Protein backbone atom coordinates (compact mmCIF):
# COMPACT_ATOMS: atom_id res chain seq x y z
CA UNK A 1 -149.47 29.34 16.97
CA UNK A 2 -146.51 30.78 15.02
CA UNK A 3 -147.59 31.04 11.27
CA UNK A 4 -143.70 32.01 10.28
CA UNK A 5 -142.26 28.89 11.82
CA UNK A 6 -144.89 26.64 10.33
CA UNK A 7 -143.98 28.24 7.01
CA UNK A 8 -140.32 27.97 7.47
CA UNK A 9 -140.79 24.25 8.15
CA UNK A 10 -142.34 23.92 4.57
CA UNK A 11 -139.50 26.03 2.87
CA UNK A 12 -138.28 23.02 0.93
CA UNK A 13 -141.68 22.63 -0.68
CA UNK A 14 -142.12 26.12 -1.31
CA UNK A 15 -138.78 26.22 -3.02
CA UNK A 16 -139.60 22.98 -5.11
CA UNK A 17 -143.04 24.76 -6.03
CA UNK A 18 -141.39 28.09 -7.03
CA UNK A 19 -138.56 26.31 -8.80
CA UNK A 20 -141.16 24.44 -11.01
CA UNK A 21 -142.95 27.52 -12.07
CA UNK A 22 -139.63 29.33 -12.62
CA UNK A 23 -138.31 26.61 -15.08
CA UNK A 24 -141.77 26.55 -16.79
CA UNK A 25 -142.84 29.94 -17.48
CA UNK A 26 -146.11 31.09 -19.34
CA UNK A 27 -147.23 34.23 -20.65
CA UNK A 28 -150.50 36.24 -20.47
CA UNK A 29 -153.81 34.67 -20.43
CA UNK A 30 -152.48 31.34 -21.60
CA UNK A 31 -151.11 29.46 -18.76
CA UNK A 32 -152.22 25.95 -19.10
CA UNK A 33 -149.35 23.98 -17.37
CA UNK A 34 -149.25 26.70 -14.53
CA UNK A 35 -152.73 26.36 -13.60
CA UNK A 36 -152.99 22.49 -13.79
CA UNK A 37 -149.80 22.44 -11.47
CA UNK A 38 -151.89 24.87 -8.98
CA UNK A 39 -155.19 22.97 -9.23
CA UNK A 40 -153.27 19.61 -8.78
CA UNK A 41 -151.48 20.74 -5.60
CA UNK A 42 -154.70 22.45 -4.19
CA UNK A 43 -156.81 19.17 -4.70
CA UNK A 44 -153.81 17.32 -2.77
CA UNK A 45 -154.44 19.62 0.05
CA UNK A 46 -158.23 18.93 0.19
CA UNK A 47 -159.49 22.08 -1.89
CA UNK A 48 -162.08 22.06 -4.66
CA UNK A 49 -160.42 24.59 -7.03
CA UNK A 50 -162.30 26.31 -9.86
CA UNK A 51 -161.07 27.65 -13.14
CA UNK A 52 -162.05 31.49 -13.73
CA UNK A 53 -160.83 31.99 -17.29
CA UNK A 54 -157.18 30.95 -17.24
CA UNK A 55 -157.30 31.78 -13.61
CA UNK A 56 -157.82 29.34 -10.51
CA UNK A 57 -159.98 30.07 -7.55
CA UNK A 58 -160.23 27.99 -4.41
CA UNK A 59 -161.99 29.16 -0.75
CA UNK A 60 -160.78 28.12 2.51
CA UNK A 61 -162.71 28.12 5.41
CA UNK A 62 -165.76 26.10 6.94
CA UNK A 63 -167.74 28.83 8.45
CA UNK A 64 -169.83 31.21 6.47
CA UNK A 65 -169.46 35.02 7.29
CA UNK A 66 -167.01 37.64 5.94
CA UNK A 67 -164.62 36.73 3.31
CA UNK A 68 -160.89 38.10 2.85
CA UNK A 69 -159.09 37.61 -0.61
CA UNK A 70 -155.30 36.96 -1.34
CA UNK A 71 -153.97 37.29 -4.66
CA UNK A 72 -150.89 35.97 -6.53
CA UNK A 73 -150.15 36.60 -10.07
CA UNK A 74 -148.94 33.66 -12.08
CA UNK A 75 -147.80 34.85 -15.52
CA UNK A 76 -144.09 35.39 -16.81
CA UNK A 77 -142.38 38.02 -19.39
CA UNK A 78 -141.54 37.40 -22.82
CA UNK A 79 -137.83 37.87 -21.85
CA UNK A 80 -134.88 35.25 -22.47
CA UNK A 81 -133.43 34.39 -19.29
CA UNK A 82 -129.39 34.91 -18.69
CA UNK A 83 -129.05 33.69 -15.30
CA UNK A 84 -126.77 30.68 -14.35
CA UNK A 85 -129.41 29.00 -12.19
CA UNK A 86 -129.81 25.36 -12.25
CA UNK A 87 -133.57 25.81 -12.79
CA UNK A 88 -133.49 28.56 -15.60
CA UNK A 89 -136.07 28.72 -18.07
CA UNK A 90 -135.08 27.31 -21.68
CA UNK A 91 -138.31 28.29 -23.61
CA UNK A 92 -137.51 32.36 -24.38
CA UNK A 93 -139.80 33.27 -21.77
CA UNK A 94 -138.85 34.24 -17.88
CA UNK A 95 -140.23 34.64 -14.49
CA UNK A 96 -138.21 38.24 -14.21
CA UNK A 97 -140.82 39.76 -12.12
CA UNK A 98 -141.01 37.40 -9.16
CA UNK A 99 -144.44 36.03 -10.09
CA UNK A 100 -143.09 32.35 -9.73
CA UNK A 101 -142.58 33.40 -6.20
CA UNK A 102 -146.02 34.94 -5.80
CA UNK A 103 -147.50 31.47 -6.88
CA UNK A 104 -145.39 29.33 -4.55
CA UNK A 105 -146.22 31.75 -1.44
CA UNK A 106 -150.14 31.35 -2.58
CA UNK A 107 -149.69 27.67 -2.34
CA UNK A 108 -147.73 27.92 0.78
CA UNK A 109 -150.48 30.17 2.41
CA UNK A 110 -153.12 27.58 1.09
CA UNK A 111 -151.47 24.96 3.09
CA UNK A 112 -151.26 27.02 6.14
CA UNK A 113 -154.95 28.02 5.75
CA UNK A 114 -155.84 24.45 5.43
CA UNK A 115 -154.07 23.19 8.54
CA UNK A 116 -155.99 25.96 10.49
CA UNK A 117 -159.16 25.89 8.64
CA UNK A 118 -161.20 25.01 11.74
CA UNK A 119 -159.87 28.32 13.42
CA UNK A 120 -161.11 30.51 10.51
CA UNK A 121 -163.71 32.82 11.58
CA UNK A 122 -165.06 33.15 8.06
CA UNK A 123 -163.65 32.36 4.53
CA UNK A 124 -160.47 33.05 2.63
CA UNK A 125 -160.56 33.29 -1.07
CA UNK A 126 -157.20 32.31 -3.10
CA UNK A 127 -157.12 34.18 -6.13
CA UNK A 128 -154.39 32.49 -8.65
CA UNK A 129 -154.47 35.22 -11.13
CA UNK A 130 -153.20 35.23 -14.86
CA UNK A 131 -151.96 38.42 -17.03
CA UNK A 132 -150.65 40.90 -14.73
CA UNK A 133 -148.02 41.82 -17.19
CA UNK A 134 -150.38 42.91 -19.76
CA UNK A 135 -153.07 44.26 -17.49
CA UNK A 136 -155.60 41.86 -18.58
CA UNK A 137 -155.97 39.16 -15.72
CA UNK A 138 -157.35 41.08 -12.65
CA UNK A 139 -159.98 42.62 -14.89
CA UNK A 140 -160.87 39.50 -16.36
CA UNK A 141 -161.51 37.90 -12.79
CA UNK A 142 -163.44 40.52 -11.56
CA UNK A 143 -165.65 40.76 -14.42
CA UNK A 144 -166.18 36.75 -14.30
CA UNK A 145 -167.05 37.29 -10.28
CA UNK A 146 -163.90 36.66 -8.13
CA UNK A 147 -165.43 39.31 -5.64
CA UNK A 148 -168.82 37.34 -5.32
CA UNK A 149 -170.18 33.92 -4.09
CA UNK A 150 -168.84 34.62 -1.47
CA UNK A 151 -168.58 38.31 -1.33
CA UNK A 152 -165.24 39.61 -0.69
CA UNK A 153 -165.09 42.10 2.16
CA UNK A 154 -161.31 42.91 1.97
CA UNK A 155 -158.01 41.96 0.10
CA UNK A 156 -154.39 41.43 0.29
CA UNK A 157 -151.76 41.44 -2.77
CA UNK A 158 -148.08 41.00 -2.26
CA UNK A 159 -145.03 41.48 -4.67
CA UNK A 160 -141.39 40.58 -4.21
CA UNK A 161 -138.74 43.15 -5.19
CA UNK A 162 -135.02 42.28 -5.88
CA UNK A 163 -132.05 44.48 -5.81
CA UNK A 164 -133.21 46.16 -2.47
CA UNK A 165 -130.70 47.37 0.43
CA UNK A 166 -133.02 45.15 2.88
CA UNK A 167 -132.45 41.59 4.13
CA UNK A 168 -134.34 39.05 2.17
CA UNK A 169 -137.82 38.45 3.90
CA UNK A 170 -138.20 42.19 5.02
CA UNK A 171 -141.90 42.98 4.67
CA UNK A 172 -142.47 46.47 3.17
CA UNK A 173 -145.31 48.82 3.88
CA UNK A 174 -145.02 51.71 1.21
CA UNK A 175 -146.93 54.28 3.36
CA UNK A 176 -150.71 54.74 3.83
CA UNK A 177 -151.03 57.42 1.29
CA UNK A 178 -148.72 55.47 -1.39
CA UNK A 179 -150.10 54.59 -4.91
CA UNK A 180 -149.19 52.73 -7.89
CA UNK A 181 -150.00 54.39 -11.20
CA UNK A 182 -152.86 53.75 -13.50
CA UNK A 183 -151.62 52.72 -16.97
CA UNK A 184 -153.08 52.84 -20.50
CA UNK A 185 -151.34 51.18 -23.47
CA UNK A 186 -151.97 52.87 -26.85
CA UNK A 187 -151.31 52.76 -30.36
CA UNK A 188 -151.37 55.77 -32.82
CA UNK A 189 -152.02 55.03 -36.34
CA UNK A 190 -151.27 57.67 -39.12
CA UNK A 191 -152.44 57.69 -42.49
CA UNK A 192 -150.73 59.80 -45.23
CA UNK A 193 -150.30 59.45 -48.90
CA UNK A 194 -147.50 57.20 -50.25
CA UNK A 195 -145.11 58.48 -53.12
CA UNK A 196 -141.83 58.28 -54.96
CA UNK A 197 -139.13 59.49 -52.41
CA UNK A 198 -137.98 62.14 -54.92
CA UNK A 199 -141.37 63.79 -55.36
CA UNK A 200 -142.55 64.44 -51.81
CA UNK A 201 -144.93 67.22 -53.04
CA UNK A 202 -146.89 64.34 -54.59
CA UNK A 203 -147.70 62.56 -50.86
CA UNK A 204 -148.12 63.10 -47.51
CA UNK A 205 -145.47 61.89 -45.18
CA UNK A 206 -146.85 59.90 -42.24
CA UNK A 207 -143.18 59.79 -40.91
CA UNK A 208 -143.16 63.57 -40.64
CA UNK A 209 -146.43 63.59 -39.00
CA UNK A 210 -145.41 60.95 -36.44
CA UNK A 211 -142.29 63.14 -35.57
CA UNK A 212 -144.44 66.18 -34.76
CA UNK A 213 -146.94 64.28 -33.03
CA UNK A 214 -144.27 62.57 -30.88
CA UNK A 215 -142.85 66.23 -29.88
CA UNK A 216 -146.29 67.60 -29.15
CA UNK A 217 -147.29 65.10 -27.14
CA UNK A 218 -144.45 65.81 -24.61
CA UNK A 219 -146.14 69.17 -24.11
CA UNK A 220 -149.08 67.71 -22.21
CA UNK A 221 -146.61 66.91 -19.28
CA UNK A 222 -144.55 70.10 -19.81
CA UNK A 223 -147.10 72.82 -20.10
CA UNK A 224 -150.60 71.29 -19.21
CA UNK A 225 -149.92 69.12 -16.15
CA UNK A 226 -149.98 70.44 -12.26
CA UNK A 227 -146.52 70.57 -11.38
CA UNK A 228 -147.56 68.72 -8.12
CA UNK A 229 -149.29 65.95 -10.10
CA UNK A 230 -147.50 62.99 -11.74
CA UNK A 231 -147.66 61.59 -15.20
CA UNK A 232 -145.33 59.39 -17.64
CA UNK A 233 -146.01 59.53 -21.16
CA UNK A 234 -143.77 56.95 -22.94
CA UNK A 235 -143.55 56.34 -26.78
CA UNK A 236 -142.01 52.76 -26.98
CA UNK A 237 -142.27 51.97 -30.41
CA UNK A 238 -142.39 54.11 -33.89
CA UNK A 239 -142.53 52.28 -37.10
CA UNK A 240 -143.27 53.14 -40.77
CA UNK A 241 -141.79 52.65 -44.20
CA UNK A 242 -139.88 49.54 -45.88
CA UNK A 243 -137.21 51.29 -47.98
CA UNK A 244 -135.19 54.44 -48.36
CA UNK A 245 -136.44 56.03 -51.70
CA UNK A 246 -140.26 55.61 -50.71
CA UNK A 247 -142.73 57.54 -48.76
CA UNK A 248 -145.05 55.15 -47.08
CA UNK A 249 -148.71 55.32 -46.64
CA UNK A 250 -148.80 54.56 -43.25
CA UNK A 251 -147.11 54.83 -39.96
CA UNK A 252 -147.59 53.81 -36.29
CA UNK A 253 -146.33 54.61 -32.97
CA UNK A 254 -147.07 52.88 -29.68
CA UNK A 255 -146.69 53.55 -25.72
CA UNK A 256 -148.16 54.05 -22.30
CA UNK A 257 -149.45 56.59 -20.27
CA UNK A 258 -149.17 56.23 -16.47
CA UNK A 259 -150.74 58.65 -14.10
CA UNK A 260 -151.55 58.68 -10.07
CA UNK A 261 -155.03 60.18 -10.41
CA UNK A 262 -157.97 58.97 -12.26
CA UNK A 263 -159.06 62.29 -13.27
CA UNK A 264 -155.54 63.09 -14.69
CA UNK A 265 -155.79 59.74 -16.40
CA UNK A 266 -158.93 60.87 -18.24
CA UNK A 267 -157.51 64.57 -18.88
CA UNK A 268 -154.50 63.21 -20.62
CA UNK A 269 -156.22 60.73 -22.84
CA UNK A 270 -158.76 63.64 -23.64
CA UNK A 271 -155.83 65.85 -24.82
CA UNK A 272 -153.71 62.86 -26.58
CA UNK A 273 -156.67 62.32 -28.87
CA UNK A 274 -157.22 66.09 -29.87
CA UNK A 275 -153.44 66.59 -30.30
CA UNK A 276 -152.94 63.48 -32.44
CA UNK A 277 -156.00 64.34 -34.76
CA UNK A 278 -155.25 68.12 -35.13
CA UNK A 279 -151.34 67.72 -35.66
CA UNK A 280 -152.34 65.09 -38.52
CA UNK A 281 -154.91 67.63 -40.07
CA UNK A 282 -152.60 70.30 -39.97
CA UNK A 283 -150.36 68.20 -42.52
CA UNK A 284 -153.09 66.97 -44.56
CA UNK A 285 -152.93 63.45 -42.95
CA UNK A 286 -155.27 61.35 -40.58
CA UNK A 287 -154.25 60.12 -37.31
CA UNK A 288 -156.33 58.54 -34.25
CA UNK A 289 -155.43 56.62 -31.19
CA UNK A 290 -156.51 53.37 -30.13
CA UNK A 291 -156.35 52.26 -26.48
CA UNK A 292 -155.71 48.66 -25.34
CA UNK A 293 -154.83 47.21 -21.99
CA UNK A 294 -154.81 49.19 -18.98
CA UNK A 295 -155.61 49.54 -15.26
CA UNK A 296 -156.65 52.12 -12.68
CA UNK A 297 -154.69 53.66 -9.64
CA UNK A 298 -153.77 51.16 -6.99
CA UNK A 299 -154.05 52.54 -3.55
CA UNK A 300 -154.23 51.36 0.02
CA UNK A 301 -157.47 51.66 2.03
CA UNK A 302 -156.40 53.61 5.16
CA UNK A 303 -158.27 51.80 7.77
CA UNK A 304 -157.13 48.46 6.54
CA UNK A 305 -153.56 49.58 6.34
CA UNK A 306 -153.52 50.46 10.03
CA UNK A 307 -154.83 46.87 10.77
CA UNK A 308 -152.47 44.94 8.51
CA UNK A 309 -149.53 47.00 10.33
CA UNK A 310 -150.94 45.62 13.69
CA UNK A 311 -151.17 41.92 12.44
CA UNK A 312 -147.70 42.14 11.07
CA UNK A 313 -146.36 43.50 14.31
CA UNK A 314 -147.67 40.42 15.97
CA UNK A 315 -146.37 38.04 13.56
CA UNK A 316 -143.13 36.41 15.67
CA UNK A 317 -139.96 36.12 13.50
CA UNK A 318 -141.22 38.47 10.56
CA UNK A 319 -139.61 42.21 10.32
CA UNK A 320 -141.28 44.89 8.65
CA UNK A 321 -140.62 48.66 7.72
CA UNK A 322 -143.58 51.03 7.52
CA UNK A 323 -142.21 54.07 5.42
CA UNK A 324 -145.06 56.00 7.19
CA UNK A 325 -142.96 55.80 10.19
CA UNK A 326 -139.80 57.59 8.90
CA UNK A 327 -142.04 60.40 7.05
CA UNK A 328 -142.14 58.82 3.58
CA UNK A 329 -144.39 57.11 1.26
CA UNK A 330 -143.47 55.40 -2.10
CA UNK A 331 -145.79 56.13 -4.85
CA UNK A 332 -144.59 54.37 -8.00
CA UNK A 333 -145.22 55.03 -11.77
CA UNK A 334 -144.94 51.32 -12.09
CA UNK A 335 -148.58 49.86 -12.47
CA UNK A 336 -150.42 46.82 -10.96
CA UNK A 337 -153.66 45.73 -12.20
CA UNK A 338 -154.56 44.30 -8.68
CA UNK A 339 -155.97 47.76 -8.77
CA UNK A 340 -159.19 46.47 -10.24
CA UNK A 341 -159.63 44.70 -6.86
CA UNK A 342 -158.55 47.72 -4.92
CA UNK A 343 -161.14 49.99 -6.66
CA UNK A 344 -163.87 47.57 -5.55
CA UNK A 345 -163.04 46.50 -1.94
CA UNK A 346 -160.81 47.48 0.95
CA UNK A 347 -157.38 46.47 -0.20
CA UNK A 348 -153.80 46.68 0.87
CA UNK A 349 -150.71 45.94 -1.11
CA UNK A 350 -147.37 44.86 0.38
CA UNK A 351 -143.70 44.28 -0.86
CA UNK A 352 -141.19 41.78 0.27
CA UNK A 353 -137.48 42.27 -0.06
CA UNK A 354 -136.05 39.47 -2.18
CA UNK A 355 -132.38 40.12 -2.47
CA UNK A 356 -129.66 42.49 -1.70
CA UNK A 357 -127.13 43.88 -4.45
CA UNK A 358 -124.23 42.79 -2.37
CA UNK A 359 -125.17 39.37 -2.19
CA UNK A 360 -125.54 39.04 -6.11
CA UNK A 361 -129.21 40.17 -6.47
CA UNK A 362 -128.09 43.62 -8.44
CA UNK A 363 -130.49 43.35 -11.40
CA UNK A 364 -133.74 44.87 -11.23
CA UNK A 365 -137.23 43.40 -11.94
CA UNK A 366 -137.73 42.39 -15.73
CA UNK A 367 -134.09 42.07 -16.53
CA UNK A 368 -132.94 38.97 -18.08
CA UNK A 369 -130.39 38.24 -15.06
CA UNK A 370 -132.93 39.23 -12.30
CA UNK A 371 -132.87 36.74 -9.44
CA UNK A 372 -135.05 36.64 -6.22
CA UNK A 373 -133.80 35.35 -2.92
CA UNK A 374 -135.68 32.28 -1.82
CA UNK A 375 -135.57 33.32 1.97
CA UNK A 376 -138.52 35.39 1.19
CA UNK A 377 -140.74 32.59 0.44
CA UNK A 378 -141.92 31.49 3.81
CA UNK A 379 -142.34 35.25 4.67
CA UNK A 380 -144.89 35.65 1.75
CA UNK A 381 -146.80 32.52 2.67
CA UNK A 382 -147.01 33.37 6.36
CA UNK A 383 -148.02 36.84 5.76
CA UNK A 384 -150.88 35.84 3.39
CA UNK A 385 -152.36 33.28 5.91
CA UNK A 386 -151.53 35.43 8.98
CA UNK A 387 -153.25 38.76 7.75
CA UNK A 388 -156.12 36.63 6.44
CA UNK A 389 -156.69 34.86 9.62
CA UNK A 390 -156.57 37.98 11.85
CA UNK A 391 -158.69 40.14 9.88
CA UNK A 392 -161.43 37.45 10.20
CA UNK A 393 -160.95 37.24 13.67
CA UNK A 394 -161.50 40.82 14.01
CA UNK A 395 -164.35 41.01 11.81
């Protein structure tokens, strides 16, 4: 059995699925067309898919025992596509992060697992997840029981990456100690006292307060963080007022906090709450922080990481690099809500190179001109299926 050769033989199908998803992107938790397409294809293969919110779940395997989960996210971004692809999106949204590839890979893995279902020494749960970009989807599915019935014992996630100096299809192990950051989205609402712009003494300027809060928040990183730790606090929006000669009543700012330790995550939020309220009070205003979507730190399970490396070494035709082997690891201040699974069961998260700059894949994820090399598709499908089968065989 050569799982990669089997995946390579279905490349046309993988490509057709991927292009369908790419041409019909949907956002967040609302993926009616995407989920329906996934369900239709799974039923054609002989699965009995179930909806979990706007996600889709299916199970391969006729034998009870342990359960291995594989996950692919399905949502796109609110980005207007600017590529010249024949199958480009025209609806103002775009799969600029490669989730179209992930969903196609999962369908490919589902075909491979169904073809080898009699050989599965347990069960494989397929998790087709919405709303990764908004950090809502994995949490929703965990809360709705994705890790139960059958109980999941270990899990694998994969992400494609474009604009890398590696041949398309190269599997990337980011180092056993690598992490992806926790993220918290926040909004700060400031209430002052509106008045005429010529008489500022009669009001309390929330724009002035907002400016002082913005600067004060940067001191958390500069003066309160351990220099050996990592934190990024980004203000992405600042809004207030409607005209030039009026001091407004209210203002708002919003952004994200990213941290690599859950303890740091809580410390930063505690300090942010204190700074926002006390700086506002110093100017006779009121302000508070509202936290929105977020996710915890994503980390590898060390034992499973070693096992997956062994399985990849046995997958003929697939090349992988492990940053541990060159004395590196790749902690990333980007975030990934698969962490909700990783914080519950042993998990490994892999990357797959999907385009070199010199081949024209020179724009990063989330860019309106980002493209992904389709040679990565058979690799993703094969890795999902091979790792799941081998883990069950060894457990």
